[in-house]
Amino acid sequence: MTISRRHLYILVALVSLHLVIVPWIHIGGEGPEKIYAGYYLAGYDVEFSKTRLGDRGELFNSLIFSLIIRVCDLLQLPIRVSVYAALYSLPFLCSVSIVIAYLLGSDLFDEKVGLCFSLLLGSSYQFWYFSNQTRVTASCATMMLASVYFFWKVLQKGSKWYWFALWTLFTVLAF
């Protein structure tokens, strides 16, 4: 499947807008607390209320932060880099869902429907404002959208085995 240049430019602009604006919206609210949770799960001695890890979705996001922090530690990057990498992980995840929405809409219908689907998804408030509830919703929506896309690929005639493996992985991550 080929993407027209105009659609590619629109998708790149939408993804770039997400990666520039969303972390700065997120940093003022509960973002620092979630990054502390990631540092706590990575083994750092930080003061953090462990009762906040009770929610399964928040635990998933904090585990993502923890993995990013551990990778940055292995690469011996400064703490500032790991904080920014953790802060950008959720907007990056949402940007992936915008691209997946385009691919799914284009495969099922045509490129114009795929572009409309990705633009509507990208302009959704769930992907712009990460309040306590919508932050989990955005992560789950990304995993479910990827699961649907990979399931669609599994249903294709002569599909490869890795589409089934990807579908299984993203379905497990969504739940």
C-alpha atoms as a PDB file:
ATOM      1  CA  MET A   1       0.000   0.000   0.000  1.00  0.00           C
ATOM      2  CA  THR A   2       1.366   3.396  -0.932  1.00  0.00           C
ATOM      3  CA  ILE A   3       0.541   6.631   0.835  1.00  0.00           C
ATOM      4  CA  SER A   4       0.049   9.747  -1.270  1.00  0.00           C
ATOM      5  CA  ARG A   5       2.402  12.617  -0.516  1.00  0.00           C
ATOM      6  CA  ARG A   6      -0.366  14.925   0.635  1.00  0.00           C
ATOM      7  CA  HIS A   7      -1.691  12.337   3.094  1.00  0.00           C
ATOM      8  CA  LEU A   8       1.830  11.637   4.313  1.00  0.00           C
ATOM      9  CA  TYR A   9       2.428  15.344   4.980  1.00  0.00           C
ATOM     10  CA  ILE A  10      -0.860  15.631   6.877  1.00  0.00           C
ATOM     11  CA  LEU A  11      -0.064  12.557   9.001  1.00  0.00           C
ATOM     12  CA  VAL A  12       3.461  13.804   9.734  1.00  0.00           C
ATOM     13  CA  ALA A  13       2.083  17.213  10.747  1.00  0.00           C
ATOM     14  CA  LEU A  14      -0.529  15.665  13.032  1.00  0.00           C
ATOM     15  CA  VAL A  15       1.963  13.313  14.673  1.00  0.00           C
ATOM     16  CA  SER A  16       4.487  16.154  15.087  1.00  0.00           C
ATOM     17  CA  LEU A  17       1.822  18.346  16.672  1.00  0.00           C
ATOM     18  CA  HIS A  18       1.069  15.597  19.171  1.00  0.00           C
ATOM     19  CA  LEU A  19       4.712  15.109  20.034  1.00  0.00           C
ATOM     20  CA  VAL A  20       5.257  18.839  20.564  1.00  0.00           C
ATOM     21  CA  ILE A  21       2.105  19.931  22.394  1.00  0.00           C
ATOM     22  CA  VAL A  22       0.852  16.981  24.433  1.00  0.00           C
ATOM     23  CA  PRO A  23       3.831  16.572  26.822  1.00  0.00           C
ATOM     24  CA  TRP A  24       3.592  20.208  27.837  1.00  0.00           C
ATOM     25  CA  ILE A  25      -0.090  19.782  28.631  1.00  0.00           C
ATOM     26  CA  HIS A  26       0.736  16.614  30.545  1.00  0.00           C
ATOM     27  CA  ILE A  27       3.674  17.974  32.547  1.00  0.00           C
ATOM     28  CA  GLY A  28       1.607  20.423  34.580  1.00  0.00           C
ATOM     29  CA  GLY A  29      -0.906  17.910  35.898  1.00  0.00           C
ATOM     30  CA  GLU A  30      -0.155  14.445  37.179  1.00  0.00           C
ATOM     31  CA  GLY A  31       2.741  13.839  34.783  1.00  0.00           C
ATOM     32  CA  PRO A  32       5.533  14.256  37.364  1.00  0.00           C
ATOM     33  CA  GLU A  33       3.758  11.899  39.773  1.00  0.00           C
ATOM     34  CA  LYS A  34       3.567   9.221  37.070  1.00  0.00           C
ATOM     35  CA  ILE A  35       7.241   9.674  36.265  1.00  0.00           C
ATOM     36  CA  TYR A  36       8.013   9.214  39.981  1.00  0.00           C
ATOM     37  CA  ALA A  37       6.030   5.988  39.801  1.00  0.00           C
ATOM     38  CA  GLY A  38       8.225   4.905  36.893  1.00  0.00           C
ATOM     39  CA  TYR A  39      11.366   5.695  38.880  1.00  0.00           C
ATOM     40  CA  TYR A  40       9.937   3.810  41.861  1.00  0.00           C
ATOM     41  CA  LEU A  41       9.226   0.746  39.708  1.00  0.00           C
ATOM     42  CA  ALA A  42      12.694   1.021  38.157  1.00  0.00           C
ATOM     43  CA  GLY A  43      14.216   0.599  41.620  1.00  0.00           C
ATOM     44  CA  TYR A  44      15.044   4.191  42.552  1.00  0.00           C
ATOM     45  CA  ASP A  45      14.517   5.345  46.124  1.00  0.00           C
ATOM     46  CA  VAL A  46      11.943   8.081  45.569  1.00  0.00           C
ATOM     47  CA  GLU A  47       9.067   9.099  47.764  1.00  0.00           C
ATOM     48  CA  PHE A  48       5.919   7.885  46.118  1.00  0.00           C
ATOM     49  CA  SER A  49       2.468   6.870  47.299  1.00  0.00           C
ATOM     50  CA  LYS A  50       2.234   3.168  46.447  1.00  0.00           C
ATOM     51  CA  THR A  51      -1.564   3.254  46.663  1.00  0.00           C
ATOM     52  CA  ARG A  52      -1.596   5.055  43.285  1.00  0.00           C
ATOM     53  CA  LEU A  53      -0.377   1.867  41.598  1.00  0.00           C
ATOM     54  CA  GLY A  54      -3.636   0.044  42.346  1.00  0.00           C
ATOM     55  CA  ASP A  55      -5.244   0.940  39.013  1.00  0.00           C
ATOM     56  CA  ARG A  56      -4.286  -1.587  36.328  1.00  0.00           C
ATOM     57  CA  GLY A  57      -4.092   1.009  33.552  1.00  0.00           C
ATOM     58  CA  GLU A  58      -1.966   3.396  35.575  1.00  0.00           C
ATOM     59  CA  LEU A  59       0.301   0.504  36.464  1.00  0.00           C
ATOM     60  CA  PHE A  60       0.712  -0.237  32.733  1.00  0.00           C
ATOM     61  CA  ASN A  61       1.697   3.384  32.034  1.00  0.00           C
ATOM     62  CA  SER A  62       4.075   3.414  35.007  1.00  0.00           C
ATOM     63  CA  LEU A  63       5.649   0.159  33.764  1.00  0.00           C
ATOM     64  CA  ILE A  64       6.222   1.803  30.382  1.00  0.00           C
ATOM     65  CA  PHE A  65       7.948   4.672  32.211  1.00  0.00           C
ATOM     66  CA  SER A  66       9.958   2.172  34.247  1.00  0.00           C
ATOM     67  CA  LEU A  67      11.182   0.328  31.145  1.00  0.00           C
ATOM     68  CA  ILE A  68      12.210   3.593  29.483  1.00  0.00           C
ATOM     69  CA  ILE A  69      14.072   4.669  32.629  1.00  0.00           C
ATOM     70  CA  ARG A  70      15.885   1.322  32.851  1.00  0.00           C
ATOM     71  CA  VAL A  71      16.945   1.500  29.203  1.00  0.00           C
ATOM     72  CA  CYS A  72      18.235   5.045  29.749  1.00  0.00           C
ATOM     73  CA  ASP A  73      20.151   3.774  32.802  1.00  0.00           C
ATOM     74  CA  LEU A  74      21.695   0.953  30.771  1.00  0.00           C
ATOM     75  CA  LEU A  75      22.787   3.472  28.162  1.00  0.00           C
ATOM     76  CA  GLN A  76      24.120   5.699  30.997  1.00  0.00           C
ATOM     77  CA  LEU A  77      22.087   8.672  29.850  1.00  0.00           C
ATOM     78  CA  PRO A  78      21.480  11.618  32.181  1.00  0.00           C
ATOM     79  CA  ILE A  79      18.346  11.570  34.333  1.00  0.00           C
ATOM     80  CA  ARG A  80      17.010  14.553  32.410  1.00  0.00           C
ATOM     81  CA  VAL A  81      16.968  12.454  29.237  1.00  0.00           C
ATOM     82  CA  SER A  82      15.075   9.625  30.943  1.00  0.00           C
ATOM     83  CA  VAL A  83      12.482  12.080  32.306  1.00  0.00           C
ATOM     84  CA  TYR A  84      11.870  13.554  28.855  1.00  0.00           C
ATOM     85  CA  ALA A  85      11.779  10.107  27.270  1.00  0.00           C
ATOM     86  CA  ALA A  86       9.190   8.971  29.818  1.00  0.00           C
ATOM     87  CA  LEU A  87       7.212  12.169  29.336  1.00  0.00           C
ATOM     88  CA  TYR A  88       7.117  11.697  25.570  1.00  0.00           C
ATOM     89  CA  SER A  89       6.220   7.993  25.697  1.00  0.00           C
ATOM     90  CA  LEU A  90       2.440   8.467  25.989  1.00  0.00           C
ATOM     91  CA  PRO A  91       2.180  11.059  23.185  1.00  0.00           C
ATOM     92  CA  PHE A  92       4.336   8.774  21.037  1.00  0.00           C
ATOM     93  CA  LEU A  93       1.985   5.888  21.795  1.00  0.00           C
ATOM     94  CA  CYS A  94      -0.974   8.042  20.748  1.00  0.00           C
ATOM     95  CA  SER A  95       0.845   9.095  17.587  1.00  0.00           C
ATOM     96  CA  VAL A  96       1.272   5.446  16.701  1.00  0.00           C
ATOM     97  CA  SER A  97      -2.487   5.009  17.009  1.00  0.00           C
ATOM     98  CA  ILE A  98      -3.028   7.873  14.544  1.00  0.00           C
ATOM     99  CA  VAL A  99      -0.869   6.088  11.980  1.00  0.00           C
ATOM    100  CA  ILE A 100      -2.560   2.739  12.686  1.00  0.00           C
ATOM    101  CA  ALA A 101      -5.966   4.407  12.235  1.00  0.00           C
ATOM    102  CA  TYR A 102      -4.840   5.623   8.822  1.00  0.00           C
ATOM    103  CA  LEU A 103      -3.582   2.169   7.827  1.00  0.00           C
ATOM    104  CA  LEU A 104      -6.738   0.431   9.056  1.00  0.00           C
ATOM    105  CA  GLY A 105      -9.095   2.901   7.377  1.00  0.00           C
ATOM    106  CA  SER A 106      -7.100   2.737   4.149  1.00  0.00           C
ATOM    107  CA  ASP A 107      -7.079  -1.065   4.115  1.00  0.00           C
ATOM    108  CA  LEU A 108     -10.754  -1.456   4.916  1.00  0.00           C
ATOM    109  CA  PHE A 109     -12.073   1.387   2.757  1.00  0.00           C
ATOM    110  CA  ASP A 110      -9.812   3.840   0.906  1.00  0.00           C
ATOM    111  CA  GLU A 111      -7.153   6.459   1.618  1.00  0.00           C
ATOM    112  CA  LYS A 112      -9.622   9.310   2.130  1.00  0.00           C
ATOM    113  CA  VAL A 113     -11.529   7.357   4.780  1.00  0.00           C
ATOM    114  CA  GLY A 114      -8.219   6.425   6.418  1.00  0.00           C
ATOM    115  CA  LEU A 115      -7.167  10.072   6.482  1.00  0.00           C
ATOM    116  CA  CYS A 116     -10.515  11.168   7.954  1.00  0.00           C
ATOM    117  CA  PHE A 117     -10.324   8.393  10.553  1.00  0.00           C
ATOM    118  CA  SER A 118      -6.806   9.402  11.611  1.00  0.00           C
ATOM    119  CA  LEU A 119      -7.677  13.119  11.704  1.00  0.00           C
ATOM    120  CA  LEU A 120     -10.769  12.500  13.826  1.00  0.00           C
ATOM    121  CA  LEU A 121      -8.834  10.222  16.160  1.00  0.00           C
ATOM    122  CA  GLY A 122      -5.954  12.694  16.378  1.00  0.00           C
ATOM    123  CA  SER A 123      -8.261  15.573  17.244  1.00  0.00           C
ATOM    124  CA  SER A 124     -10.033  13.605  19.982  1.00  0.00           C
ATOM    125  CA  TYR A 125      -9.716  15.102  23.455  1.00  0.00           C
ATOM    126  CA  GLN A 126      -8.552  11.753  24.798  1.00  0.00           C
ATOM    127  CA  PHE A 127      -5.320  12.130  22.895  1.00  0.00           C
ATOM    128  CA  TRP A 128      -4.754  15.764  23.900  1.00  0.00           C
ATOM    129  CA  TYR A 129      -5.618  16.019  27.574  1.00  0.00           C
ATOM    130  CA  PHE A 130      -4.247  13.294  29.776  1.00  0.00           C
ATOM    131  CA  SER A 131      -6.447  13.510  32.812  1.00  0.00           C
ATOM    132  CA  ASN A 132      -6.499  10.552  35.167  1.00  0.00           C
ATOM    133  CA  GLN A 133      -9.114   8.618  33.197  1.00  0.00           C
ATOM    134  CA  THR A 134      -8.202   9.516  29.620  1.00  0.00           C
ATOM    135  CA  ARG A 135      -4.524   8.686  29.979  1.00  0.00           C
ATOM    136  CA  VAL A 136      -5.445   5.047  30.460  1.00  0.00           C
ATOM    137  CA  THR A 137      -8.076   5.263  27.719  1.00  0.00           C
ATOM    138  CA  ALA A 138      -5.531   6.543  25.187  1.00  0.00           C
ATOM    139  CA  SER A 139      -3.104   3.700  25.935  1.00  0.00           C
ATOM    140  CA  CYS A 140      -5.857   1.093  25.759  1.00  0.00           C
ATOM    141  CA  ALA A 141      -7.295   2.603  22.564  1.00  0.00           C
ATOM    142  CA  THR A 142      -3.880   2.417  20.927  1.00  0.00           C
ATOM    143  CA  MET A 143      -3.442  -1.230  21.895  1.00  0.00           C
ATOM    144  CA  MET A 144      -6.968  -2.148  20.775  1.00  0.00           C
ATOM    145  CA  LEU A 145      -6.597  -0.304  17.464  1.00  0.00           C
ATOM    146  CA  ALA A 146      -3.315  -2.108  16.815  1.00  0.00           C
ATOM    147  CA  SER A 147      -5.004  -5.380  17.776  1.00  0.00           C
ATOM    148  CA  VAL A 148      -7.815  -4.765  15.273  1.00  0.00           C
ATOM    149  CA  TYR A 149      -5.332  -3.867  12.531  1.00  0.00           C
ATOM    150  CA  PHE A 150      -3.256  -6.988  13.127  1.00  0.00           C
ATOM    151  CA  PHE A 151      -6.422  -9.116  13.308  1.00  0.00           C
ATOM    152  CA  TRP A 152      -7.414  -7.704   9.912  1.00  0.00           C
ATOM    153  CA  LYS A 153      -3.992  -8.750   8.594  1.00  0.00           C
ATOM    154  CA  VAL A 154      -4.480 -12.257  10.071  1.00  0.00           C
ATOM    155  CA  LEU A 155      -7.750 -12.609   8.147  1.00  0.00           C
ATOM    156  CA  GLN A 156      -6.077 -11.837   4.815  1.00  0.00           C
ATOM    157  CA  LYS A 157      -5.481 -14.717   2.453  1.00  0.00           C
ATOM    158  CA  GLY A 158      -1.916 -16.021   2.719  1.00  0.00           C
ATOM    159  CA  SER A 159      -1.108 -13.993   5.840  1.00  0.00           C
ATOM    160  CA  LYS A 160       2.226 -14.556   7.539  1.00  0.00           C
ATOM    161  CA  TRP A 161       2.607 -16.069  11.012  1.00  0.00           C
ATOM    162  CA  TYR A 162       3.948 -12.843  12.551  1.00  0.00           C
ATOM    163  CA  TRP A 163       0.587 -11.067  12.055  1.00  0.00           C
ATOM    164  CA  PHE A 164      -0.962 -13.628  14.419  1.00  0.00           C
ATOM    165  CA  ALA A 165       1.858 -13.131  16.930  1.00  0.00           C
ATOM    166  CA  LEU A 166       1.449  -9.337  16.782  1.00  0.00           C
ATOM    167  CA  TRP A 167      -2.324  -9.637  17.135  1.00  0.00           C
ATOM    168  CA  THR A 168      -1.924 -11.869  20.197  1.00  0.00           C
ATOM    169  CA  LEU A 169       0.666  -9.563  21.797  1.00  0.00           C
ATOM    170  CA  PHE A 170      -1.368  -6.379  21.344  1.00  0.00           C
ATOM    171  CA  THR A 171      -4.585  -8.043  22.470  1.00  0.00           C
ATOM    172  CA  VAL A 172      -2.869  -9.185  25.675  1.00  0.00           C
ATOM    173  CA  LEU A 173      -1.407  -5.701  26.206  1.00  0.00           C
ATOM    174  CA  ALA A 174      -4.815  -4.103  25.724  1.00  0.00           C
ATOM    175  CA  PHE A 175      -6.361  -6.220  28.439  1.00  0.00           C
END
